[in-house]
Amino acid sequence: MGNVAGITLKKDKHDQMVDKYGSVDLKAVTEAVADGSLTMGYTDPFTSSTGLNFLMSCLLRYDSKNPLSEAAVDGFKQFQTNVPFVALTTVQMRDAAEHDKLDGFVMEWQLYQGDPDLQANYVFTPFGYRHDNPLVACKAATEEQRQILEQFAQYCDDNGKDLASKYGFNGKDDYVCELPDVSGETLVKAQELYKKNKDNDRPVMAVFVADVSGSMTGKPLSELKDSLINSMRYINDGNYVGLVSYSDDVTIEVPIDKFDLNQQAYFKGAVENLQATGQTATYDGIIVAASMLKEASAQVPNAKTMIFLLSDGDSNAGYVGLGDMQQVISGLRVPVYTIGYNADIDALQKISAINEAASIDATTDDVTYQLKNLFNANM
């Protein structure tokens, strides 16, 4: 199945780019983002092949011989300064574009061509490495397993190409990647480079808001504790972290401070000691977290602020209506990432969508893996 990644721009912005740069390509896009005339997003290079493709393409655009060089890093940091956020999914970026928060975003041709609304309003420009779908045998595969793969490949050759084309693949077979091959080791180092430099030396300041109401009793609270403790090692120790819990009232469990070894110990101990009881003042918890961020930001004015809400999505105490709180949360301009445990996911998604954050369903996903990806992208 043939496929390519691309930068999808709103038509009016695409036309402006052509007028200014003569054409739209990765060089023009990175220059436009760096000078602030284009706002675009891309997906997390730890979880998205398109995001990793875009990261490598950017690094090679600044140094075609060594994507890990100082020149490549400096160019990437200049570009990254004007990227509003890195998304977990294409859907998250598309929602942000529909709310006029992005002029464009990355996606794959197969998705673009299957969406009439995208084709009507956006222009797709291929970039980077092709996203064809080969069959790969690992070295450990037995001879019998290799024969099975060969037979399956032949089956796909005979029966699958037309079906793949029907579903949007094989539409950009003329696109040729001009970038050099890179090793798996280079890809891993590029991800490490991204995590270290994505915030341009700006620390991230986050408050975790944990639901400890009665409805979280038992498995939900146990899973919340396990996933948070198992994932905290993916938070950079130069960032700032605090923790609040809420039921009928809100309790500041750990004030915001740099996430060094001492703060990590306080954080882990507070999570382990959480107990569930009472009603659910979800929006009160968000407001207290936002107030903490505002106060702490006075001491670290260049910090990027965010909130992580861990909850079952219920709200029956304090401020209980999203309609009443939507303008407040929007006005805070702080993304609220939500992680749902046995949750009303729709309610949590609505909270996250206000400021273009992501929502994770801990019931159906490997939540530790998902939190790892979320923290790698944002923390």
Protein backbone atom coordinates (compact mmCIF):
# COMPACT_ATOMS: atom_id res chain seq x y z
CA MET A 1 0.00 0.00 0.00
CA GLY A 2 1.50 3.29 -1.10
CA ASN A 3 1.07 6.32 1.17
CA VAL A 4 2.75 9.65 1.95
CA ALA A 5 2.73 12.16 4.78
CA GLY A 6 1.84 15.74 4.08
CA ILE A 7 1.34 19.25 5.43
CA THR A 8 -2.31 20.23 5.11
CA LEU A 9 -2.87 24.00 4.89
CA LYS A 10 -6.02 26.07 4.71
CA LYS A 11 -6.49 27.17 1.11
CA ASP A 12 -6.15 30.91 1.75
CA LYS A 13 -2.97 30.34 3.79
CA HIS A 14 -1.61 28.02 1.07
CA ASP A 15 -2.17 30.75 -1.53
CA GLN A 16 -0.42 33.32 0.67
CA MET A 17 2.53 30.98 1.03
CA VAL A 18 2.77 30.52 -2.74
CA ASP A 19 2.68 34.30 -3.25
CA LYS A 20 5.44 34.83 -0.68
CA TYR A 21 7.73 31.83 -1.26
CA GLY A 22 6.88 30.76 -4.80
CA SER A 23 5.77 27.31 -3.65
CA VAL A 24 4.90 25.36 -0.55
CA ASP A 25 7.55 22.96 0.69
CA LEU A 26 9.17 22.09 4.02
CA LYS A 27 11.67 24.96 3.75
CA ALA A 28 8.91 27.52 3.18
CA VAL A 29 6.75 26.08 5.95
CA THR A 30 9.51 26.03 8.58
CA GLU A 31 10.53 29.61 7.69
CA ALA A 32 6.93 30.80 7.89
CA VAL A 33 6.41 29.14 11.28
CA ALA A 34 9.72 30.52 12.60
CA ASP A 35 8.83 34.09 11.60
CA GLY A 36 5.33 33.80 13.03
CA SER A 37 3.36 34.09 9.79
CA LEU A 38 2.09 30.48 9.91
CA THR A 39 0.66 28.53 12.83
CA MET A 40 0.78 24.77 12.44
CA GLY A 41 0.79 21.65 14.56
CA TYR A 42 2.22 18.17 14.33
CA THR A 43 1.74 14.93 16.20
CA ASP A 44 3.86 13.50 19.01
CA PRO A 45 7.03 11.95 17.50
CA PHE A 46 7.03 9.30 20.23
CA THR A 47 3.68 7.85 19.15
CA SER A 48 3.04 9.03 15.58
CA SER A 49 4.99 7.96 12.52
CA THR A 50 3.86 11.18 10.83
CA GLY A 51 5.12 13.22 13.79
CA LEU A 52 8.47 11.42 13.78
CA ASN A 53 8.70 11.87 10.02
CA PHE A 54 8.08 15.60 10.45
CA LEU A 55 10.67 15.88 13.24
CA MET A 56 13.36 14.13 11.16
CA SER A 57 12.47 16.15 8.06
CA CYS A 58 12.80 19.39 10.04
CA LEU A 59 16.17 18.41 11.51
CA LEU A 60 17.48 17.38 8.07
CA ARG A 61 16.16 20.62 6.58
CA TYR A 62 18.55 22.51 8.90
CA ASP A 63 21.47 20.10 8.44
CA SER A 64 21.13 17.60 5.59
CA LYS A 65 24.23 15.66 6.65
CA ASN A 66 23.78 15.42 10.41
CA PRO A 67 20.23 15.78 11.80
CA LEU A 68 21.62 15.69 15.36
CA SER A 69 24.10 18.55 14.92
CA GLU A 70 24.07 21.84 16.80
CA ALA A 71 22.88 23.63 13.65
CA ALA A 72 19.96 21.23 13.31
CA VAL A 73 19.02 21.67 16.98
CA ASP A 74 19.22 25.47 16.77
CA GLY A 75 17.01 25.50 13.67
CA PHE A 76 14.48 23.18 15.27
CA LYS A 77 14.33 25.30 18.44
CA GLN A 78 13.69 28.43 16.38
CA PHE A 79 10.88 26.64 14.55
CA GLN A 80 9.45 25.10 17.72
CA THR A 81 9.16 28.50 19.43
CA ASN A 82 6.02 29.28 17.41
CA VAL A 83 4.39 25.84 17.52
CA PRO A 84 1.38 26.22 19.87
CA PHE A 85 1.22 22.55 20.86
CA VAL A 86 2.20 19.04 19.82
CA ALA A 87 -0.87 16.82 19.56
CA LEU A 88 -1.46 13.19 20.44
CA THR A 89 -3.81 12.68 17.47
CA THR A 90 -4.67 14.16 14.09
CA VAL A 91 -8.24 14.67 15.35
CA GLN A 92 -6.96 16.99 18.08
CA MET A 93 -5.13 19.13 15.49
CA ARG A 94 -8.09 19.20 13.15
CA ASP A 95 -10.37 20.38 15.95
CA ALA A 96 -7.88 23.14 16.73
CA ALA A 97 -7.83 24.17 13.06
CA GLU A 98 -11.62 24.31 12.96
CA HIS A 99 -11.47 26.69 15.93
CA ASP A 100 -8.95 28.86 14.00
CA LYS A 101 -6.09 27.96 16.35
CA LEU A 102 -4.04 26.38 13.52
CA ASP A 103 -3.48 27.28 9.87
CA GLY A 104 -2.41 23.72 9.09
CA PHE A 105 -1.25 20.39 10.40
CA VAL A 106 0.39 17.14 9.31
CA MET A 107 -1.52 14.05 8.27
CA GLU A 108 -1.40 11.18 5.76
CA TRP A 109 -2.69 11.28 2.22
CA GLN A 110 -4.97 8.28 2.76
CA LEU A 111 -6.89 10.19 5.45
CA TYR A 112 -6.94 13.46 3.53
CA GLN A 113 -8.29 12.08 0.28
CA GLY A 114 -11.08 10.24 2.10
CA ASP A 115 -12.48 13.42 3.66
CA PRO A 116 -14.46 15.72 1.31
CA ASP A 117 -14.44 18.58 3.84
CA LEU A 118 -10.65 18.52 4.05
CA GLN A 119 -10.30 18.46 0.28
CA ALA A 120 -12.71 21.38 -0.06
CA ASN A 121 -10.93 23.60 2.47
CA TYR A 122 -7.30 22.46 2.64
CA VAL A 123 -4.39 21.82 0.28
CA PHE A 124 -2.17 18.78 0.86
CA THR A 125 1.61 19.04 0.22
CA PRO A 126 3.72 15.85 0.59
CA PHE A 127 6.87 15.98 2.72
CA GLY A 128 9.58 13.74 4.10
CA TYR A 129 9.79 9.98 3.94
CA ARG A 130 7.17 7.89 2.18
CA HIS A 131 4.68 6.04 4.36
CA ASP A 132 4.37 2.89 2.30
CA ASN A 133 3.36 -0.26 4.15
CA PRO A 134 5.85 -3.09 3.58
CA LEU A 135 5.82 -6.48 5.24
CA VAL A 136 8.88 -6.84 7.44
CA ALA A 137 10.38 -10.04 8.85
CA CYS A 138 12.49 -9.62 11.98
CA LYS A 139 15.75 -11.55 12.22
CA ALA A 140 14.23 -13.91 14.79
CA ALA A 141 11.58 -15.15 12.33
CA THR A 142 11.81 -18.86 11.58
CA GLU A 143 11.98 -20.23 8.06
CA GLU A 144 8.37 -21.37 8.36
CA GLN A 145 7.31 -17.88 9.47
CA ARG A 146 9.15 -16.34 6.53
CA GLN A 147 7.39 -18.69 4.13
CA ILE A 148 4.04 -17.67 5.63
CA LEU A 149 4.95 -14.00 5.12
CA GLU A 150 5.96 -14.69 1.53
CA GLN A 151 2.61 -16.38 0.88
CA PHE A 152 0.75 -13.52 2.53
CA ALA A 153 2.70 -11.01 0.44
CA GLN A 154 1.73 -12.91 -2.69
CA TYR A 155 -1.91 -12.93 -1.57
CA CYS A 156 -1.76 -9.15 -1.07
CA ASP A 157 -0.12 -8.71 -4.47
CA ASP A 158 -2.91 -10.65 -6.15
CA ASN A 159 -5.88 -9.37 -4.17
CA GLY A 160 -5.01 -6.36 -2.08
CA LYS A 161 -3.78 -3.54 -4.32
CA ASP A 162 -7.13 -2.68 -5.82
CA LEU A 163 -8.77 -2.80 -2.40
CA ALA A 164 -6.03 -0.57 -0.95
CA SER A 165 -6.58 1.95 -3.74
CA LYS A 166 -10.33 1.90 -3.04
CA TYR A 167 -9.59 2.99 0.53
CA GLY A 168 -7.28 5.82 -0.46
CA PHE A 169 -3.83 4.28 -0.69
CA ASN A 170 -1.58 4.34 -3.79
CA GLY A 171 -2.68 7.87 -4.69
CA LYS A 172 0.73 9.57 -4.58
CA ASP A 173 2.97 6.99 -6.19
CA ASP A 174 4.82 9.73 -8.10
CA TYR A 175 6.14 11.35 -4.90
CA VAL A 176 9.85 10.62 -4.38
CA CYS A 177 11.58 11.20 -1.05
CA GLU A 178 14.91 13.00 -1.43
CA LEU A 179 16.00 12.66 2.19
CA PRO A 180 18.82 10.27 3.16
CA ASP A 181 18.16 7.00 4.97
CA VAL A 182 18.61 7.20 8.74
CA SER A 183 19.21 4.45 11.26
CA GLY A 184 16.94 3.39 14.09
CA GLU A 185 19.56 4.70 16.50
CA THR A 186 19.32 8.13 14.89
CA LEU A 187 15.52 8.08 15.22
CA VAL A 188 15.77 7.30 18.94
CA LYS A 189 18.33 10.09 19.45
CA ALA A 190 16.08 12.48 17.52
CA GLN A 191 13.23 11.67 19.92
CA GLU A 192 15.53 12.36 22.87
CA LEU A 193 16.59 15.62 21.22
CA TYR A 194 12.96 16.58 20.77
CA LYS A 195 12.06 15.94 24.43
CA LYS A 196 15.03 17.98 25.62
CA ASN A 197 14.55 20.94 23.27
CA LYS A 198 10.82 21.09 22.48
CA ASP A 199 10.20 23.86 25.02
CA ASN A 200 13.25 25.98 24.11
CA ASP A 201 14.57 25.91 27.67
CA ARG A 202 11.17 27.04 28.98
CA PRO A 203 10.12 24.89 31.93
CA VAL A 204 6.69 23.31 32.03
CA MET A 205 4.55 23.98 35.10
CA ALA A 206 1.73 21.50 35.71
CA VAL A 207 -0.78 20.71 38.42
CA PHE A 208 -2.27 17.24 38.66
CA VAL A 209 -5.90 17.31 39.83
CA ALA A 210 -6.96 13.95 41.29
CA ASP A 211 -10.58 12.98 41.83
CA VAL A 212 -10.90 11.26 45.23
CA SER A 213 -14.69 11.34 45.50
CA GLY A 214 -16.69 8.29 46.57
CA SER A 215 -17.32 7.22 42.98
CA MET A 216 -13.56 6.62 42.60
CA THR A 217 -13.52 4.04 45.41
CA GLY A 218 -11.80 0.74 44.62
CA LYS A 219 -10.42 -0.01 41.18
CA PRO A 220 -10.64 3.51 39.64
CA LEU A 221 -8.55 5.11 42.42
CA SER A 222 -6.15 2.16 42.48
CA GLU A 223 -5.59 2.49 38.72
CA LEU A 224 -5.18 6.26 39.06
CA LYS A 225 -2.44 5.79 41.66
CA ASP A 226 -0.62 3.04 39.76
CA SER A 227 -0.65 4.81 36.41
CA LEU A 228 0.47 8.14 37.85
CA ILE A 229 3.31 6.65 39.92
CA ASN A 230 4.49 4.44 37.04
CA SER A 231 4.44 7.36 34.60
CA MET A 232 6.02 10.13 36.68
CA ARG A 233 9.53 9.10 35.62
CA TYR A 234 8.77 10.48 32.15
CA ILE A 235 8.47 14.03 33.52
CA ASN A 236 11.65 16.09 33.08
CA ASP A 237 13.13 16.98 36.47
CA GLY A 238 13.58 20.61 35.38
CA ASN A 239 9.81 21.11 35.19
CA TYR A 240 7.51 22.24 38.01
CA VAL A 241 4.76 20.00 39.38
CA GLY A 242 2.02 20.25 42.00
CA LEU A 243 -0.85 17.99 43.11
CA VAL A 244 -4.35 18.69 44.37
CA SER A 245 -7.14 16.28 45.26
CA TYR A 246 -10.84 16.96 45.45
CA SER A 247 -14.08 15.45 46.68
CA ASP A 248 -16.50 17.77 48.54
CA ASP A 249 -13.61 20.24 48.90
CA VAL A 250 -10.22 20.75 47.30
CA THR A 251 -6.95 19.89 49.08
CA ILE A 252 -3.52 21.06 47.98
CA GLU A 253 -1.54 17.87 48.49
CA VAL A 254 1.79 19.07 47.04
CA PRO A 255 2.47 22.78 46.31
CA ILE A 256 4.12 23.53 42.96
CA ASP A 257 7.90 23.17 42.98
CA LYS A 258 10.70 21.95 40.73
CA PHE A 259 10.35 18.21 40.12
CA ASP A 260 13.69 17.25 41.65
CA LEU A 261 14.23 14.13 43.75
CA ASN A 262 12.67 15.69 46.85
CA GLN A 263 9.56 16.87 44.99
CA GLN A 264 9.25 13.47 43.30
CA ALA A 265 9.28 11.81 46.75
CA TYR A 266 6.61 14.20 48.07
CA PHE A 267 4.52 13.67 44.95
CA LYS A 268 4.76 9.87 45.06
CA GLY A 269 3.95 9.75 48.78
CA ALA A 270 0.93 12.03 48.37
CA VAL A 271 -0.43 9.91 45.51
CA GLU A 272 -0.01 6.71 47.52
CA ASN A 273 -1.95 8.23 50.42
CA LEU A 274 -5.00 9.37 48.41
CA GLN A 275 -8.30 8.00 49.74
CA ALA A 276 -11.76 8.21 48.17
CA THR A 277 -14.84 9.64 49.88
CA GLY A 278 -17.54 12.27 49.44
CA GLN A 279 -18.98 14.14 46.47
CA THR A 280 -17.28 15.47 43.34
CA ALA A 281 -16.27 19.12 42.99
CA THR A 282 -14.44 18.73 39.68
CA TYR A 283 -14.55 22.35 38.53
CA ASP A 284 -13.48 23.61 41.95
CA GLY A 285 -10.38 21.42 41.58
CA ILE A 286 -9.61 22.97 38.19
CA ILE A 287 -10.03 26.50 39.55
CA VAL A 288 -7.73 25.83 42.52
CA ALA A 289 -5.10 24.33 40.17
CA ALA A 290 -5.34 27.37 37.88
CA SER A 291 -4.92 29.69 40.86
CA MET A 292 -1.81 27.77 41.95
CA LEU A 293 -0.37 28.08 38.44
CA LYS A 294 -1.05 31.81 38.32
CA GLU A 295 0.68 32.38 41.65
CA ALA A 296 3.68 30.16 40.85
CA SER A 297 4.06 31.69 37.37
CA ALA A 298 4.94 35.00 39.00
CA GLN A 299 8.17 33.33 40.13
CA VAL A 300 8.75 31.48 36.82
CA PRO A 301 7.21 33.86 34.26
CA ASN A 302 8.40 31.99 31.16
CA ALA A 303 6.88 28.64 32.19
CA LYS A 304 4.33 26.80 30.02
CA THR A 305 1.35 25.98 32.20
CA MET A 306 -1.03 23.02 32.01
CA ILE A 307 -3.42 20.98 34.11
CA PHE A 308 -3.88 17.19 34.20
CA LEU A 309 -7.33 16.15 35.45
CA LEU A 310 -7.62 12.51 36.58
CA SER A 311 -11.27 11.69 37.15
CA ASP A 312 -14.33 9.61 36.34
CA GLY A 313 -15.93 12.70 34.77
CA ASP A 314 -18.61 13.18 37.39
CA SER A 315 -19.39 16.58 38.97
CA ASN A 316 -22.05 17.00 41.66
CA ALA A 317 -20.63 19.56 44.10
CA GLY A 318 -19.29 23.12 43.93
CA TYR A 319 -19.43 24.49 40.40
CA VAL A 320 -21.28 21.64 38.68
CA GLY A 321 -22.16 22.86 35.18
CA LEU A 322 -19.75 22.91 32.24
CA GLY A 323 -21.84 25.68 30.67
CA ASP A 324 -21.13 27.93 33.64
CA MET A 325 -17.42 27.05 33.64
CA GLN A 326 -16.64 26.95 29.92
CA GLN A 327 -15.86 30.65 29.62
CA VAL A 328 -13.81 30.54 32.80
CA ILE A 329 -11.67 27.62 31.59
CA SER A 330 -11.33 29.22 28.15
CA GLY A 331 -10.27 32.49 29.74
CA LEU A 332 -7.58 30.75 31.77
CA ARG A 333 -5.84 29.76 28.50
CA VAL A 334 -4.43 26.71 30.28
CA PRO A 335 -4.88 23.37 28.50
CA VAL A 336 -6.64 20.80 30.68
CA TYR A 337 -5.57 17.25 29.77
CA THR A 338 -8.06 14.70 31.07
CA ILE A 339 -7.50 11.05 31.99
CA GLY A 340 -10.69 9.11 32.65
CA TYR A 341 -10.98 6.14 35.02
CA ASN A 342 -14.25 4.21 34.55
CA ALA A 343 -15.38 7.57 33.30
CA ASP A 344 -17.92 9.65 31.46
CA ILE A 345 -15.43 10.22 28.66
CA ASP A 346 -17.67 12.63 26.75
CA ALA A 347 -17.72 14.97 29.75
CA LEU A 348 -13.93 14.86 30.05
CA GLN A 349 -13.42 15.35 26.32
CA LYS A 350 -15.53 18.50 26.45
CA ILE A 351 -13.29 19.91 29.17
CA SER A 352 -10.12 19.09 27.22
CA ALA A 353 -11.49 20.49 23.97
CA ILE A 354 -11.94 23.99 25.42
CA ASN A 355 -8.22 24.76 25.13
CA GLU A 356 -7.19 22.08 22.60
CA ALA A 357 -5.83 19.48 25.02
CA ALA A 358 -6.06 15.69 24.73
CA SER A 359 -8.27 13.22 26.58
CA ILE A 360 -7.30 9.62 27.47
CA ASP A 361 -9.66 6.78 28.36
CA ALA A 362 -7.84 4.75 31.00
CA THR A 363 -10.50 2.03 30.82
CA THR A 364 -9.72 0.92 27.28
CA ASP A 365 -6.13 2.06 26.80
CA ASP A 366 -2.85 0.97 28.36
CA VAL A 367 -2.95 4.07 30.54
CA THR A 368 0.69 3.95 31.70
CA TYR A 369 1.78 3.83 28.06
CA GLN A 370 -0.63 6.64 27.19
CA LEU A 371 0.58 8.81 30.07
CA LYS A 372 4.17 8.11 29.10
CA ASN A 373 3.39 9.42 25.62
CA LEU A 374 1.48 12.38 27.01
CA PHE A 375 4.35 13.35 29.31
CA ASN A 376 6.97 12.80 26.59
CA ALA A 377 5.01 15.18 24.36
CA ASN A 378 4.28 17.81 27.01
CA MET A 379 6.44 17.38 30.11
